[in-house]
Each structure stands twice: as C-alpha cells, then as structure tokens.
Amino acid sequence: MKNVPDCPKTDRLDSVWLAKLAERGMLRGAFALPKPVRELRDLTRTRAVLTHGRTELAPL
C-alpha cells in the first residue's frame, strides 16, 4: 500500500480502508509461487544459511 499524503496512517485506519476495498472487489489476489518453486527456494535459503554458519566456524 502506498502512503497517501495528508491522510493519517494507523493500522486501524489501514485495516478499515482495506476492508472497504475488499468488499467492493477492488483488490487483486496475491501472487503465490507454485509449490515446487517455493520448496526449492526454501532449500536454497537453508543451504545458504548452513554454508554461512559453517564458514563462520572454520578455523583460520
């Protein structure tokens, strides 16, 4: 969501505004990646974290 100038921004006001947009059908659905792609990304992220942790502990 973009910030609208001259309009106070609070979580409560944002949620009311989003609810109004949703009931009027003005919101698009969120894009979700296919499950195989999500799983591959999770594995890649986990591998990167483990590799980083291993190199931190490696002796000089």
PDB file of N, CA and C in Angstrom:
ATOM      1  N   MET A   1       0.837  -1.187   0.000  1.00  0.00           N
ATOM      2  CA  MET A   1       0.000   0.000   0.000  1.00  0.00           C
ATOM      3  C   MET A   1       0.873   1.238   0.000  1.00  0.00           C
ATOM      4  N   LYS A   2       0.475   2.199  -0.731  1.00  0.00           N
ATOM      5  CA  LYS A   2       1.237   3.442  -0.784  1.00  0.00           C
ATOM      6  C   LYS A   2       0.688   4.424   0.231  1.00  0.00           C
ATOM      7  N   ASN A   3       1.581   5.241   0.720  1.00  0.00           N
ATOM      8  CA  ASN A   3       1.183   6.263   1.673  1.00  0.00           C
ATOM      9  C   ASN A   3       0.456   7.382   0.926  1.00  0.00           C
ATOM     10  N   VAL A   4      -0.696   7.772   1.416  1.00  0.00           N
ATOM     11  CA  VAL A   4      -1.482   8.840   0.802  1.00  0.00           C
ATOM     12  C   VAL A   4      -1.186  10.123   1.563  1.00  0.00           C
ATOM     13  N   PRO A   5      -0.739  11.189   0.859  1.00  0.00           N
ATOM     14  CA  PRO A   5      -0.426  12.434   1.561  1.00  0.00           C
ATOM     15  C   PRO A   5      -1.655  13.022   2.252  1.00  0.00           C
ATOM     16  N   ASP A   6      -1.408  13.712   3.342  1.00  0.00           N
ATOM     17  CA  ASP A   6      -2.457  14.376   4.125  1.00  0.00           C
ATOM     18  C   ASP A   6      -3.503  13.408   4.665  1.00  0.00           C
ATOM     19  N   CYS A   7      -3.113  12.196   4.904  1.00  0.00           N
ATOM     20  CA  CYS A   7      -4.033  11.204   5.445  1.00  0.00           C
ATOM     21  C   CYS A   7      -3.317  10.504   6.597  1.00  0.00           C
ATOM     22  N   PRO A   8      -3.898  10.551   7.798  1.00  0.00           N
ATOM     23  CA  PRO A   8      -3.222   9.889   8.923  1.00  0.00           C
ATOM     24  C   PRO A   8      -3.070   8.396   8.647  1.00  0.00           C
ATOM     25  N   LYS A   9      -1.950   7.835   9.075  1.00  0.00           N
ATOM     26  CA  LYS A   9      -1.670   6.429   8.794  1.00  0.00           C
ATOM     27  C   LYS A   9      -1.571   5.666  10.102  1.00  0.00           C
ATOM     28  N   THR A  10      -2.558   4.822  10.365  1.00  0.00           N
ATOM     29  CA  THR A  10      -2.525   3.938  11.525  1.00  0.00           C
ATOM     30  C   THR A  10      -2.959   2.555  11.061  1.00  0.00           C
ATOM     31  N   ASP A  11      -2.613   1.553  11.822  1.00  0.00           N
ATOM     32  CA  ASP A  11      -3.011   0.196  11.463  1.00  0.00           C
ATOM     33  C   ASP A  11      -4.526   0.054  11.429  1.00  0.00           C
ATOM     34  N   ARG A  12      -5.202   0.695  12.352  1.00  0.00           N
ATOM     35  CA  ARG A  12      -6.664   0.599  12.413  1.00  0.00           C
ATOM     36  C   ARG A  12      -7.300   1.230  11.175  1.00  0.00           C
ATOM     37  N   LEU A  13      -6.843   2.422  10.795  1.00  0.00           N
ATOM     38  CA  LEU A  13      -7.388   3.070   9.599  1.00  0.00           C
ATOM     39  C   LEU A  13      -7.058   2.273   8.347  1.00  0.00           C
ATOM     40  N   ASP A  14      -5.837   1.727   8.288  1.00  0.00           N
ATOM     41  CA  ASP A  14      -5.460   0.904   7.138  1.00  0.00           C
ATOM     42  C   ASP A  14      -6.356  -0.321   7.014  1.00  0.00           C
ATOM     43  N   SER A  15      -6.650  -0.969   8.135  1.00  0.00           N
ATOM     44  CA  SER A  15      -7.471  -2.181   8.075  1.00  0.00           C
ATOM     45  C   SER A  15      -8.903  -1.852   7.654  1.00  0.00           C
ATOM     46  N   VAL A  16      -9.431  -0.727   8.110  1.00  0.00           N
ATOM     47  CA  VAL A  16     -10.783  -0.313   7.699  1.00  0.00           C
ATOM     48  C   VAL A  16     -10.801  -0.027   6.200  1.00  0.00           C
ATOM     49  N   TRP A  17      -9.769   0.678   5.725  1.00  0.00           N
ATOM     50  CA  TRP A  17      -9.699   1.012   4.306  1.00  0.00           C
ATOM     51  C   TRP A  17      -9.578  -0.251   3.459  1.00  0.00           C
ATOM     52  N   LEU A  18      -8.731  -1.194   3.881  1.00  0.00           N
ATOM     53  CA  LEU A  18      -8.588  -2.448   3.134  1.00  0.00           C
ATOM     54  C   LEU A  18      -9.883  -3.251   3.130  1.00  0.00           C
ATOM     55  N   ALA A  19     -10.601  -3.248   4.240  1.00  0.00           N
ATOM     56  CA  ALA A  19     -11.868  -3.973   4.300  1.00  0.00           C
ATOM     57  C   ALA A  19     -12.875  -3.375   3.313  1.00  0.00           C
ATOM     58  N   LYS A  20     -12.914  -2.047   3.229  1.00  0.00           N
ATOM     59  CA  LYS A  20     -13.823  -1.397   2.279  1.00  0.00           C
ATOM     60  C   LYS A  20     -13.442  -1.730   0.843  1.00  0.00           C
ATOM     61  N   LEU A  21     -12.149  -1.704   0.543  1.00  0.00           N
ATOM     62  CA  LEU A  21     -11.707  -2.049  -0.811  1.00  0.00           C
ATOM     63  C   LEU A  21     -12.049  -3.497  -1.142  1.00  0.00           C
ATOM     64  N   ALA A  22     -11.883  -4.398  -0.178  1.00  0.00           N
ATOM     65  CA  ALA A  22     -12.159  -5.814  -0.410  1.00  0.00           C
ATOM     66  C   ALA A  22     -13.642  -6.061  -0.656  1.00  0.00           C
ATOM     67  N   GLU A  23     -14.503  -5.409   0.112  1.00  0.00           N
ATOM     68  CA  GLU A  23     -15.937  -5.659  -0.071  1.00  0.00           C
ATOM     69  C   GLU A  23     -16.452  -5.068  -1.377  1.00  0.00           C
ATOM     70  N   ARG A  24     -15.726  -4.097  -1.926  1.00  0.00           N
ATOM     71  CA  ARG A  24     -16.107  -3.531  -3.221  1.00  0.00           C
ATOM     72  C   ARG A  24     -15.431  -4.244  -4.387  1.00  0.00           C
ATOM     73  N   GLY A  25     -14.613  -5.257  -4.080  1.00  0.00           N
ATOM     74  CA  GLY A  25     -13.954  -6.027  -5.126  1.00  0.00           C
ATOM     75  C   GLY A  25     -12.840  -5.278  -5.826  1.00  0.00           C
ATOM     76  N   MET A  26     -12.189  -4.367  -5.125  1.00  0.00           N
ATOM     77  CA  MET A  26     -11.165  -3.538  -5.743  1.00  0.00           C
ATOM     78  C   MET A  26      -9.742  -4.039  -5.491  1.00  0.00           C
ATOM     79  N   LEU A  27      -9.598  -5.183  -4.841  1.00  0.00           N
ATOM     80  CA  LEU A  27      -8.269  -5.727  -4.564  1.00  0.00           C
ATOM     81  C   LEU A  27      -8.016  -6.946  -5.430  1.00  0.00           C
ATOM     82  N   ARG A  28      -6.791  -7.055  -5.914  1.00  0.00           N
ATOM     83  CA  ARG A  28      -6.394  -8.230  -6.671  1.00  0.00           C
ATOM     84  C   ARG A  28      -5.883  -9.291  -5.703  1.00  0.00           C
ATOM     85  N   GLY A  29      -5.992 -10.523  -6.101  1.00  0.00           N
ATOM     86  CA  GLY A  29      -5.442 -11.601  -5.301  1.00  0.00           C
ATOM     87  C   GLY A  29      -3.919 -11.567  -5.333  1.00  0.00           C
ATOM     88  N   ALA A  30      -3.302 -12.073  -4.282  1.00  0.00           N
ATOM     89  CA  ALA A  30      -1.845 -12.097  -4.208  1.00  0.00           C
ATOM     90  C   ALA A  30      -1.305 -13.219  -5.090  1.00  0.00           C
ATOM     91  N   PHE A  31      -0.141 -12.986  -5.644  1.00  0.00           N
ATOM     92  CA  PHE A  31       0.511 -13.997  -6.469  1.00  0.00           C
ATOM     93  C   PHE A  31       1.262 -14.963  -5.563  1.00  0.00           C
ATOM     94  N   ALA A  32       1.031 -16.250  -5.737  1.00  0.00           N
ATOM     95  CA  ALA A  32       1.737 -17.267  -4.973  1.00  0.00           C
ATOM     96  C   ALA A  32       2.502 -18.160  -5.940  1.00  0.00           C
ATOM     97  N   LEU A  33       3.767 -18.380  -5.628  1.00  0.00           N
ATOM     98  CA  LEU A  33       4.575 -19.252  -6.468  1.00  0.00           C
ATOM     99  C   LEU A  33       4.080 -20.687  -6.368  1.00  0.00           C
ATOM    100  N   PRO A  34       4.291 -21.487  -7.408  1.00  0.00           N
ATOM    101  CA  PRO A  34       3.923 -22.899  -7.339  1.00  0.00           C
ATOM    102  C   PRO A  34       4.721 -23.603  -6.232  1.00  0.00           C
ATOM    103  N   LYS A  35       4.136 -24.646  -5.667  1.00  0.00           N
ATOM    104  CA  LYS A  35       4.752 -25.332  -4.534  1.00  0.00           C
ATOM    105  C   LYS A  35       6.174 -25.830  -4.817  1.00  0.00           C
ATOM    106  N   PRO A  36       6.457 -26.443  -5.997  1.00  0.00           N
ATOM    107  CA  PRO A  36       7.845 -26.892  -6.232  1.00  0.00           C
ATOM    108  C   PRO A  36       8.855 -25.737  -6.190  1.00  0.00           C
ATOM    109  N   VAL A  37       8.460 -24.575  -6.676  1.00  0.00           N
ATOM    110  CA  VAL A  37       9.357 -23.419  -6.670  1.00  0.00           C
ATOM    111  C   VAL A  37       9.571 -22.940  -5.238  1.00  0.00           C
ATOM    112  N   ARG A  38       8.500 -22.896  -4.443  1.00  0.00           N
ATOM    113  CA  ARG A  38       8.638 -22.491  -3.033  1.00  0.00           C
ATOM    114  C   ARG A  38       9.557 -23.437  -2.280  1.00  0.00           C
ATOM    115  N   GLU A  39       9.401 -24.746  -2.521  1.00  0.00           N
ATOM    116  CA  GLU A  39      10.247 -25.728  -1.835  1.00  0.00           C
ATOM    117  C   GLU A  39      11.703 -25.564  -2.245  1.00  0.00           C
ATOM    118  N   LEU A  40      11.956 -25.324  -3.529  1.00  0.00           N
ATOM    119  CA  LEU A  40      13.327 -25.118  -3.995  1.00  0.00           C
ATOM    120  C   LEU A  40      13.932 -23.869  -3.364  1.00  0.00           C
ATOM    121  N   ARG A  41      13.162 -22.815  -3.273  1.00  0.00           N
ATOM    122  CA  ARG A  41      13.652 -21.583  -2.648  1.00  0.00           C
ATOM    123  C   ARG A  41      13.959 -21.808  -1.175  1.00  0.00           C
ATOM    124  N   ASP A  42      13.110 -22.568  -0.476  1.00  0.00           N
ATOM    125  CA  ASP A  42      13.370 -22.871   0.932  1.00  0.00           C
ATOM    126  C   ASP A  42      14.655 -23.667   1.097  1.00  0.00           C
ATOM    127  N   LEU A  43      14.864 -24.662   0.226  1.00  0.00           N
ATOM    128  CA  LEU A  43      16.086 -25.460   0.296  1.00  0.00           C
ATOM    129  C   LEU A  43      17.323 -24.611   0.009  1.00  0.00           C
ATOM    130  N   THR A  44      17.217 -23.748  -0.982  1.00  0.00           N
ATOM    131  CA  THR A  44      18.341 -22.886  -1.323  1.00  0.00           C
ATOM    132  C   THR A  44      18.665 -21.941  -0.178  1.00  0.00           C
ATOM    133  N   ARG A  45      17.639 -21.383   0.439  1.00  0.00           N
ATOM    134  CA  ARG A  45      17.832 -20.471   1.573  1.00  0.00           C
ATOM    135  C   ARG A  45      18.467 -21.208   2.748  1.00  0.00           C
ATOM    136  N   THR A  46      17.996 -22.419   3.026  1.00  0.00           N
ATOM    137  CA  THR A  46      18.551 -23.211   4.120  1.00  0.00           C
ATOM    138  C   THR A  46      20.015 -23.544   3.852  1.00  0.00           C
ATOM    139  N   ARG A  47      20.326 -23.914   2.612  1.00  0.00           N
ATOM    140  CA  ARG A  47      21.711 -24.239   2.256  1.00  0.00           C
ATOM    141  C   ARG A  47      22.608 -23.021   2.449  1.00  0.00           C
ATOM    142  N   ALA A  48      22.141 -21.845   2.058  1.00  0.00           N
ATOM    143  CA  ALA A  48      22.934 -20.630   2.207  1.00  0.00           C
ATOM    144  C   ALA A  48      23.196 -20.336   3.688  1.00  0.00           C
ATOM    145  N   VAL A  49      22.180 -20.506   4.522  1.00  0.00           N
ATOM    146  CA  VAL A  49      22.344 -20.267   5.967  1.00  0.00           C
ATOM    147  C   VAL A  49      23.344 -21.249   6.563  1.00  0.00           C
ATOM    148  N   LEU A  50      23.224 -22.530   6.196  1.00  0.00           N
ATOM    149  CA  LEU A  50      24.139 -23.542   6.717  1.00  0.00           C
ATOM    150  C   LEU A  50      25.569 -23.299   6.238  1.00  0.00           C
ATOM    151  N   THR A  51      25.738 -22.935   4.984  1.00  0.00           N
ATOM    152  CA  THR A  51      27.071 -22.655   4.455  1.00  0.00           C
ATOM    153  C   THR A  51      27.686 -21.457   5.160  1.00  0.00           C
ATOM    154  N   HIS A  52      26.897 -20.439   5.373  1.00  0.00           N
ATOM    155  CA  HIS A  52      27.383 -19.249   6.079  1.00  0.00           C
ATOM    156  C   HIS A  52      27.805 -19.613   7.499  1.00  0.00           C
ATOM    157  N   GLY A  53      26.993 -20.396   8.178  1.00  0.00           N
ATOM    158  CA  GLY A  53      27.325 -20.818   9.541  1.00  0.00           C
ATOM    159  C   GLY A  53      28.590 -21.658   9.581  1.00  0.00           C
ATOM    160  N   ARG A  54      28.772 -22.515   8.584  1.00  0.00           N
ATOM    161  CA  ARG A  54      29.961 -23.361   8.537  1.00  0.00           C
ATOM    162  C   ARG A  54      31.219 -22.522   8.316  1.00  0.00           C
ATOM    163  N   THR A  55      31.150 -21.513   7.459  1.00  0.00           N
ATOM    164  CA  THR A  55      32.338 -20.690   7.202  1.00  0.00           C
ATOM    165  C   THR A  55      32.663 -19.788   8.385  1.00  0.00           C
ATOM    166  N   GLU A  56      31.659 -19.418   9.183  1.00  0.00           N
ATOM    167  CA  GLU A  56      31.942 -18.626  10.385  1.00  0.00           C
ATOM    168  C   GLU A  56      32.737 -19.418  11.400  1.00  0.00           C
ATOM    169  N   LEU A  57      32.495 -20.740  11.467  1.00  0.00           N
ATOM    170  CA  LEU A  57      33.141 -21.588  12.455  1.00  0.00           C
ATOM    171  C   LEU A  57      34.451 -22.183  11.973  1.00  0.00           C
ATOM    172  N   ALA A  58      34.801 -21.976  10.708  1.00  0.00           N
ATOM    173  CA  ALA A  58      36.017 -22.573  10.159  1.00  0.00           C
ATOM    174  C   ALA A  58      37.245 -21.918  10.793  1.00  0.00           C
ATOM    175  N   PRO A  59      38.254 -22.726  11.152  1.00  0.00           N
ATOM    176  CA  PRO A  59      39.474 -22.161  11.737  1.00  0.00           C
ATOM    177  C   PRO A  59      40.271 -21.418  10.665  1.00  0.00           C
ATOM    178  N   LEU A  60      41.018 -20.430  11.114  1.00  0.00           N
ATOM    179  CA  LEU A  60      41.810 -19.633  10.167  1.00  0.00           C
ATOM    180  C   LEU A  60      43.096 -20.294   9.847  1.00  0.00           C
TER     181      LEU A  60
END
